Amino acid sequence: MRFAKMTILLSGFFMTSFVQAHNVWLEPTKNKDEYVVKFGHETTESYPEHKLKSIQLLKSDGSLEAATYQFQNGEAYFKADVYPIVFLQFDNGVWSKLPSGKYVEKTKKEAPTAVLSLNPVKLGKAILTWNEQAAKSHNLDYELVPQAKPEAGKPLPILVLHKGKPVAGIKVGMGEDKPFELTNTQGIAQFIPVAGTNKVWAEFEEKGVEHPDYTERSIEYMLTFDVK
């Protein structure tokens, strides 16, 4: 009986992790100026194309342009040769938690006995070139904005914004299951960059949402950049 309970608890934990802990980010391919949109947590996974809602490229004048991409083998590939920043939006569907603790990919209408129905949204921001745009906000609902050019081992202030306004009490770190710091009243949290690729994670929650398909939304944000 104890083993069965532990199995149920572990399966619930892993399913919750699958629903919430996954993120989206960019990785360069072997082709010049080409990138691939990755999805996953500890390991990467393929994904259906309809869940990738947008790839936005920041132009030199500060406006955004939709990227033209090729979807192959469960991942999106595109060129970003002259764009300093790329924004990603990924909608992981609606997952409902049944009274048993199991999560199923169904809306609250499709699973009327569910205790909650969650819409996990994944946002990504990749800084490819450090210029004046890197320290600016870009009129998005959610954004992480580094306040300086990063240096390995030196604390980097990260400004967390929701609809252009600083947000206090937001977790910022390397991932959901890693150490984090809460943003202060000015919406700032400190992050320690390392040499190489850096991933800065943050999480927002929207509870009590009035929506026909779900009751809650989780918004996980992943800011990525390289430090030489």
C-alpha atoms as a PDB file:
ATOM      1  CA  MET A   1       0.000   0.000   0.000  1.00  0.00           C
ATOM      2  CA  ARG A   2       2.816   2.399   0.912  1.00  0.00           C
ATOM      3  CA  PHE A   3       4.554   1.596  -2.387  1.00  0.00           C
ATOM      4  CA  ALA A   4       1.334   2.254  -4.336  1.00  0.00           C
ATOM      5  CA  LYS A   5       0.879   5.619  -2.621  1.00  0.00           C
ATOM      6  CA  MET A   6       4.484   6.546  -3.403  1.00  0.00           C
ATOM      7  CA  THR A   7       3.976   5.560  -7.051  1.00  0.00           C
ATOM      8  CA  ILE A   8       0.908   7.802  -7.296  1.00  0.00           C
ATOM      9  CA  LEU A   9       2.747  10.699  -5.657  1.00  0.00           C
ATOM     10  CA  LEU A  10       5.764  10.333  -7.949  1.00  0.00           C
ATOM     11  CA  SER A  11       3.618  10.075 -11.082  1.00  0.00           C
ATOM     12  CA  GLY A  12       1.766  13.202 -10.035  1.00  0.00           C
ATOM     13  CA  PHE A  13       5.064  14.996  -9.458  1.00  0.00           C
ATOM     14  CA  PHE A  14       6.483  14.001 -12.836  1.00  0.00           C
ATOM     15  CA  MET A  15       3.268  14.951 -14.635  1.00  0.00           C
ATOM     16  CA  THR A  16       3.198  18.338 -12.887  1.00  0.00           C
ATOM     17  CA  SER A  17       6.827  18.808 -13.922  1.00  0.00           C
ATOM     18  CA  PHE A  18       5.951  17.898 -17.506  1.00  0.00           C
ATOM     19  CA  VAL A  19       3.094  20.386 -17.561  1.00  0.00           C
ATOM     20  CA  GLN A  20       4.821  23.303 -15.862  1.00  0.00           C
ATOM     21  CA  ALA A  21       8.612  22.959 -15.852  1.00  0.00           C
ATOM     22  CA  HIS A  22       9.151  22.844 -19.608  1.00  0.00           C
ATOM     23  CA  ASN A  23      10.411  25.929 -21.431  1.00  0.00           C
ATOM     24  CA  VAL A  24      11.311  27.169 -24.908  1.00  0.00           C
ATOM     25  CA  TRP A  25      14.641  28.589 -26.047  1.00  0.00           C
ATOM     26  CA  LEU A  26      16.885  28.926 -29.103  1.00  0.00           C
ATOM     27  CA  GLU A  27      19.959  26.968 -30.054  1.00  0.00           C
ATOM     28  CA  PRO A  28      22.204  27.606 -33.079  1.00  0.00           C
ATOM     29  CA  THR A  29      22.449  24.882 -35.706  1.00  0.00           C
ATOM     30  CA  LYS A  30      25.480  23.947 -37.774  1.00  0.00           C
ATOM     31  CA  ASN A  31      24.245  26.236 -40.553  1.00  0.00           C
ATOM     32  CA  LYS A  32      25.342  29.883 -40.488  1.00  0.00           C
ATOM     33  CA  ASP A  33      22.863  32.253 -38.761  1.00  0.00           C
ATOM     34  CA  GLU A  34      20.307  29.447 -38.389  1.00  0.00           C
ATOM     35  CA  TYR A  35      18.538  28.665 -35.110  1.00  0.00           C
ATOM     36  CA  VAL A  36      16.167  25.990 -33.870  1.00  0.00           C
ATOM     37  CA  VAL A  37      13.392  26.446 -31.310  1.00  0.00           C
ATOM     38  CA  LYS A  38      13.885  23.919 -28.518  1.00  0.00           C
ATOM     39  CA  PHE A  39      11.268  22.728 -26.029  1.00  0.00           C
ATOM     40  CA  GLY A  40      11.849  20.688 -22.900  1.00  0.00           C
ATOM     41  CA  HIS A  41      13.256  20.578 -19.388  1.00  0.00           C
ATOM     42  CA  GLU A  42      16.220  18.332 -18.572  1.00  0.00           C
ATOM     43  CA  THR A  43      16.055  16.945 -22.105  1.00  0.00           C
ATOM     44  CA  THR A  44      14.545  18.383 -25.286  1.00  0.00           C
ATOM     45  CA  GLU A  45      11.374  17.031 -26.866  1.00  0.00           C
ATOM     46  CA  SER A  46       9.611  17.373 -30.191  1.00  0.00           C
ATOM     47  CA  TYR A  47       6.354  19.335 -30.244  1.00  0.00           C
ATOM     48  CA  PRO A  48       3.347  19.845 -32.534  1.00  0.00           C
ATOM     49  CA  GLU A  49       3.670  22.909 -34.734  1.00  0.00           C
ATOM     50  CA  HIS A  50       0.362  24.420 -33.585  1.00  0.00           C
ATOM     51  CA  LYS A  51       1.741  24.933 -30.064  1.00  0.00           C
ATOM     52  CA  LEU A  52       4.455  27.289 -31.347  1.00  0.00           C
ATOM     53  CA  LYS A  53       2.438  30.501 -31.558  1.00  0.00           C
ATOM     54  CA  SER A  54       5.071  32.962 -32.746  1.00  0.00           C
ATOM     55  CA  ILE A  55       8.716  33.690 -33.473  1.00  0.00           C
ATOM     56  CA  GLN A  56       9.233  37.463 -33.492  1.00  0.00           C
ATOM     57  CA  LEU A  57      12.446  39.092 -34.731  1.00  0.00           C
ATOM     58  CA  LEU A  58      13.450  42.519 -33.404  1.00  0.00           C
ATOM     59  CA  LYS A  59      14.396  44.887 -36.230  1.00  0.00           C
ATOM     60  CA  SER A  60      16.928  47.718 -35.962  1.00  0.00           C
ATOM     61  CA  ASP A  61      14.138  50.299 -35.539  1.00  0.00           C
ATOM     62  CA  GLY A  62      12.731  48.443 -32.511  1.00  0.00           C
ATOM     63  CA  SER A  63       9.716  46.958 -34.306  1.00  0.00           C
ATOM     64  CA  LEU A  64       8.971  43.235 -34.498  1.00  0.00           C
ATOM     65  CA  GLU A  65       8.753  41.039 -37.567  1.00  0.00           C
ATOM     66  CA  ALA A  66       7.372  37.512 -37.757  1.00  0.00           C
ATOM     67  CA  ALA A  67      10.030  34.978 -38.693  1.00  0.00           C
ATOM     68  CA  THR A  68       9.638  32.640 -41.630  1.00  0.00           C
ATOM     69  CA  TYR A  69      10.519  29.175 -40.379  1.00  0.00           C
ATOM     70  CA  GLN A  70      10.667  25.577 -41.542  1.00  0.00           C
ATOM     71  CA  PHE A  71       9.094  22.939 -39.291  1.00  0.00           C
ATOM     72  CA  GLN A  72      10.992  19.651 -39.472  1.00  0.00           C
ATOM     73  CA  ASN A  73      10.966  16.573 -37.225  1.00  0.00           C
ATOM     74  CA  GLY A  74       9.014  18.324 -34.494  1.00  0.00           C
ATOM     75  CA  GLU A  75      11.106  21.532 -34.316  1.00  0.00           C
ATOM     76  CA  ALA A  76      11.136  24.967 -35.998  1.00  0.00           C
ATOM     77  CA  TYR A  77      14.205  26.258 -37.876  1.00  0.00           C
ATOM     78  CA  PHE A  78      14.775  29.818 -39.063  1.00  0.00           C
ATOM     79  CA  LYS A  79      17.431  32.393 -40.015  1.00  0.00           C
ATOM     80  CA  ALA A  80      18.259  35.386 -37.800  1.00  0.00           C
ATOM     81  CA  ASP A  81      21.352  36.898 -39.385  1.00  0.00           C
ATOM     82  CA  VAL A  82      20.681  40.620 -38.741  1.00  0.00           C
ATOM     83  CA  TYR A  83      18.314  40.501 -35.768  1.00  0.00           C
ATOM     84  CA  PRO A  84      19.654  41.246 -32.268  1.00  0.00           C
ATOM     85  CA  ILE A  85      16.774  39.724 -30.275  1.00  0.00           C
ATOM     86  CA  VAL A  86      14.243  36.949 -30.885  1.00  0.00           C
ATOM     87  CA  PHE A  87      10.991  36.502 -28.932  1.00  0.00           C
ATOM     88  CA  LEU A  88       9.167  33.163 -28.701  1.00  0.00           C
ATOM     89  CA  GLN A  89       5.641  32.266 -27.640  1.00  0.00           C
ATOM     90  CA  PHE A  90       4.568  28.672 -27.053  1.00  0.00           C
ATOM     91  CA  ASP A  91       1.206  27.473 -25.748  1.00  0.00           C
ATOM     92  CA  ASN A  92       1.375  24.004 -24.183  1.00  0.00           C
ATOM     93  CA  GLY A  93      -2.395  23.510 -24.304  1.00  0.00           C
ATOM     94  CA  VAL A  94      -4.738  22.924 -21.371  1.00  0.00           C
ATOM     95  CA  TRP A  95      -3.999  20.294 -18.744  1.00  0.00           C
ATOM     96  CA  SER A  96      -6.640  19.281 -16.202  1.00  0.00           C
ATOM     97  CA  LYS A  97      -5.905  17.672 -12.856  1.00  0.00           C
ATOM     98  CA  LEU A  98      -8.350  14.880 -12.057  1.00  0.00           C
ATOM     99  CA  PRO A  99      -9.427  14.012  -8.480  1.00  0.00           C
ATOM    100  CA  SER A 100      -6.948  11.092  -8.656  1.00  0.00           C
ATOM    101  CA  GLY A 101      -4.077  13.591  -9.094  1.00  0.00           C
ATOM    102  CA  LYS A 102      -3.469  12.598 -12.708  1.00  0.00           C
ATOM    103  CA  TYR A 103      -3.085  15.332 -15.335  1.00  0.00           C
ATOM    104  CA  VAL A 104      -4.719  14.914 -18.750  1.00  0.00           C
ATOM    105  CA  GLU A 105      -4.473  17.224 -21.748  1.00  0.00           C
ATOM    106  CA  LYS A 106      -8.137  18.217 -21.689  1.00  0.00           C
ATOM    107  CA  THR A 107     -10.054  21.457 -21.100  1.00  0.00           C
ATOM    108  CA  LYS A 108     -12.326  21.921 -18.089  1.00  0.00           C
ATOM    109  CA  LYS A 109     -15.299  21.218 -20.388  1.00  0.00           C
ATOM    110  CA  GLU A 110     -13.715  17.954 -21.528  1.00  0.00           C
ATOM    111  CA  ALA A 111     -12.841  16.999 -17.924  1.00  0.00           C
ATOM    112  CA  PRO A 112     -15.754  18.359 -15.818  1.00  0.00           C
ATOM    113  CA  THR A 113     -14.624  16.556 -12.638  1.00  0.00           C
ATOM    114  CA  ALA A 114     -11.166  18.190 -12.717  1.00  0.00           C
ATOM    115  CA  VAL A 115     -10.051  20.071  -9.605  1.00  0.00           C
ATOM    116  CA  LEU A 116      -8.179  22.577 -11.773  1.00  0.00           C
ATOM    117  CA  SER A 117      -7.479  23.198 -15.440  1.00  0.00           C
ATOM    118  CA  LEU A 118      -4.158  24.847 -16.263  1.00  0.00           C
ATOM    119  CA  ASN A 119      -2.950  26.605 -19.405  1.00  0.00           C
ATOM    120  CA  PRO A 120       0.884  26.563 -19.316  1.00  0.00           C
ATOM    121  CA  VAL A 121       2.333  29.247 -21.595  1.00  0.00           C
ATOM    122  CA  LYS A 122       6.053  29.382 -22.379  1.00  0.00           C
ATOM    123  CA  LEU A 123       7.761  32.606 -23.431  1.00  0.00           C
ATOM    124  CA  GLY A 124      11.327  32.980 -24.625  1.00  0.00           C
ATOM    125  CA  LYS A 125      13.690  35.866 -25.327  1.00  0.00           C
ATOM    126  CA  ALA A 126      17.077  35.278 -26.910  1.00  0.00           C
ATOM    127  CA  ILE A 127      19.596  38.127 -27.025  1.00  0.00           C
ATOM    128  CA  LEU A 128      21.843  37.352 -29.987  1.00  0.00           C
ATOM    129  CA  THR A 129      23.633  40.720 -30.211  1.00  0.00           C
ATOM    130  CA  TRP A 130      24.276  43.146 -27.349  1.00  0.00           C
ATOM    131  CA  ASN A 131      23.309  46.647 -28.461  1.00  0.00           C
ATOM    132  CA  GLU A 132      21.087  49.442 -27.115  1.00  0.00           C
ATOM    133  CA  GLN A 133      17.970  47.280 -27.653  1.00  0.00           C
ATOM    134  CA  ALA A 134      19.168  44.654 -25.156  1.00  0.00           C
ATOM    135  CA  ALA A 135      18.504  46.909 -22.151  1.00  0.00           C
ATOM    136  CA  LYS A 136      15.116  48.177 -23.383  1.00  0.00           C
ATOM    137  CA  SER A 137      11.604  46.827 -22.938  1.00  0.00           C
ATOM    138  CA  HIS A 138       9.593  46.108 -26.083  1.00  0.00           C
ATOM    139  CA  ASN A 139       5.919  46.615 -25.161  1.00  0.00           C
ATOM    140  CA  LEU A 140       5.189  42.949 -24.480  1.00  0.00           C
ATOM    141  CA  ASP A 141       2.871  41.539 -21.808  1.00  0.00           C
ATOM    142  CA  TYR A 142       5.802  39.879 -20.039  1.00  0.00           C
ATOM    143  CA  GLU A 143       9.503  40.569 -20.360  1.00  0.00           C
ATOM    144  CA  LEU A 144      12.843  40.131 -18.631  1.00  0.00           C
ATOM    145  CA  VAL A 145      15.265  42.990 -19.328  1.00  0.00           C
ATOM    146  CA  PRO A 146      18.946  42.793 -18.316  1.00  0.00           C
ATOM    147  CA  GLN A 147      20.139  46.143 -16.968  1.00  0.00           C
ATOM    148  CA  ALA A 148      23.744  45.794 -18.171  1.00  0.00           C
ATOM    149  CA  LYS A 149      25.897  43.718 -20.489  1.00  0.00           C
ATOM    150  CA  PRO A 150      26.615  40.474 -18.622  1.00  0.00           C
ATOM    151  CA  GLU A 151      30.015  39.454 -17.315  1.00  0.00           C
ATOM    152  CA  ALA A 152      30.775  35.985 -15.998  1.00  0.00           C
ATOM    153  CA  GLY A 153      30.673  35.905 -12.205  1.00  0.00           C
ATOM    154  CA  LYS A 154      29.394  39.472 -11.818  1.00  0.00           C
ATOM    155  CA  PRO A 155      25.819  39.998 -10.528  1.00  0.00           C
ATOM    156  CA  LEU A 156      23.506  41.086 -13.333  1.00  0.00           C
ATOM    157  CA  PRO A 157      20.329  43.014 -12.422  1.00  0.00           C
ATOM    158  CA  ILE A 158      17.301  41.629 -14.277  1.00  0.00           C
ATOM    159  CA  LEU A 159      14.188  43.813 -14.542  1.00  0.00           C
ATOM    160  CA  VAL A 160      10.913  41.863 -14.613  1.00  0.00           C
ATOM    161  CA  LEU A 161       7.983  43.558 -16.321  1.00  0.00           C
ATOM    162  CA  HIS A 162       4.291  42.782 -16.735  1.00  0.00           C
ATOM    163  CA  LYS A 163       2.603  45.033 -19.283  1.00  0.00           C
ATOM    164  CA  GLY A 164       5.508  47.459 -18.969  1.00  0.00           C
ATOM    165  CA  LYS A 165       5.400  47.746 -15.177  1.00  0.00           C
ATOM    166  CA  PRO A 166       7.932  46.292 -12.693  1.00  0.00           C
ATOM    167  CA  VAL A 167       6.646  43.313 -10.706  1.00  0.00           C
ATOM    168  CA  ALA A 168       7.731  42.419  -7.171  1.00  0.00           C
ATOM    169  CA  GLY A 169       7.893  38.901  -5.748  1.00  0.00           C
ATOM    170  CA  ILE A 170       8.628  37.058  -9.020  1.00  0.00           C
ATOM    171  CA  LYS A 171      10.959  34.043  -8.896  1.00  0.00           C
ATOM    172  CA  VAL A 172      14.065  34.510 -11.061  1.00  0.00           C
ATOM    173  CA  GLY A 173      16.795  31.887 -11.368  1.00  0.00           C
ATOM    174  CA  MET A 174      18.194  29.126 -13.547  1.00  0.00           C
ATOM    175  CA  GLY A 175      15.047  26.999 -13.502  1.00  0.00           C
ATOM    176  CA  GLU A 176      11.963  25.919 -11.574  1.00  0.00           C
ATOM    177  CA  ASP A 177      13.869  23.248  -9.633  1.00  0.00           C
ATOM    178  CA  LYS A 178      16.980  25.393  -9.045  1.00  0.00           C
ATOM    179  CA  PRO A 179      17.777  28.227  -6.572  1.00  0.00           C
ATOM    180  CA  PHE A 180      16.002  31.491  -7.310  1.00  0.00           C
ATOM    181  CA  GLU A 181      15.759  35.081  -6.084  1.00  0.00           C
ATOM    182  CA  LEU A 182      12.564  37.101  -5.727  1.00  0.00           C
ATOM    183  CA  THR A 183      12.299  40.454  -7.460  1.00  0.00           C
ATOM    184  CA  ASN A 184      12.292  43.461  -5.140  1.00  0.00           C
ATOM    185  CA  THR A 185       9.780  46.317  -5.112  1.00  0.00           C
ATOM    186  CA  GLN A 186      11.477  47.787  -8.192  1.00  0.00           C
ATOM    187  CA  GLY A 187      11.029  44.503 -10.072  1.00  0.00           C
ATOM    188  CA  ILE A 188      14.764  43.686  -9.927  1.00  0.00           C
ATOM    189  CA  ALA A 189      16.428  40.366  -9.163  1.00  0.00           C
ATOM    190  CA  GLN A 190      20.128  39.562  -9.343  1.00  0.00           C
ATOM    191  CA  PHE A 191      21.426  36.779 -11.576  1.00  0.00           C
ATOM    192  CA  ILE A 192      25.041  35.517 -11.701  1.00  0.00           C
ATOM    193  CA  PRO A 193      26.023  34.788 -15.329  1.00  0.00           C
ATOM    194  CA  VAL A 194      28.540  32.111 -16.239  1.00  0.00           C
ATOM    195  CA  ALA A 195      30.856  31.836 -19.225  1.00  0.00           C
ATOM    196  CA  GLY A 196      28.968  30.299 -22.142  1.00  0.00           C
ATOM    197  CA  THR A 197      25.206  29.966 -22.535  1.00  0.00           C
ATOM    198  CA  ASN A 198      22.984  31.391 -19.800  1.00  0.00           C
ATOM    199  CA  LYS A 199      19.303  30.659 -19.174  1.00  0.00           C
ATOM    200  CA  VAL A 200      17.408  33.024 -16.883  1.00  0.00           C
ATOM    201  CA  TRP A 201      14.055  31.597 -15.795  1.00  0.00           C
ATOM    202  CA  ALA A 202      11.072  33.428 -14.299  1.00  0.00           C
ATOM    203  CA  GLU A 203       7.512  32.374 -13.489  1.00  0.00           C
ATOM    204  CA  PHE A 204       4.226  34.257 -13.409  1.00  0.00           C
ATOM    205  CA  GLU A 205       0.832  32.891 -12.357  1.00  0.00           C
ATOM    206  CA  GLU A 206      -2.730  33.882 -13.158  1.00  0.00           C
ATOM    207  CA  LYS A 207      -5.226  32.212 -10.832  1.00  0.00           C
ATOM    208  CA  GLY A 208      -9.026  32.422 -10.927  1.00  0.00           C
ATOM    209  CA  VAL A 209      -9.044  33.098 -14.658  1.00  0.00           C
ATOM    210  CA  GLU A 210     -12.468  33.464 -16.257  1.00  0.00           C
ATOM    211  CA  HIS A 211     -12.020  31.362 -19.371  1.00  0.00           C
ATOM    212  CA  PRO A 212     -14.184  28.584 -20.831  1.00  0.00           C
ATOM    213  CA  ASP A 213     -11.227  26.190 -21.139  1.00  0.00           C
ATOM    214  CA  TYR A 214      -9.150  26.681 -17.987  1.00  0.00           C
ATOM    215  CA  THR A 215      -9.117  28.131 -14.459  1.00  0.00           C
ATOM    216  CA  GLU A 216      -5.426  29.040 -14.178  1.00  0.00           C
ATOM    217  CA  ARG A 217      -2.513  30.080 -16.369  1.00  0.00           C
ATOM    218  CA  SER A 218       1.179  29.680 -15.664  1.00  0.00           C
ATOM    219  CA  ILE A 219       3.605  31.794 -17.667  1.00  0.00           C
ATOM    220  CA  GLU A 220       7.185  30.593 -17.638  1.00  0.00           C
ATOM    221  CA  TYR A 221       9.762  32.893 -19.202  1.00  0.00           C
ATOM    222  CA  MET A 222      13.248  31.981 -20.387  1.00  0.00           C
ATOM    223  CA  LEU A 223      15.794  34.695 -21.221  1.00  0.00           C
ATOM    224  CA  THR A 224      18.917  33.359 -22.925  1.00  0.00           C
ATOM    225  CA  PHE A 225      22.243  34.940 -23.853  1.00  0.00           C
ATOM    226  CA  ASP A 226      25.905  34.006 -24.224  1.00  0.00           C
ATOM    227  CA  VAL A 227      28.826  35.338 -22.187  1.00  0.00           C
ATOM    228  CA  LYS A 228      32.334  35.034 -23.601  1.00  0.00           C
END
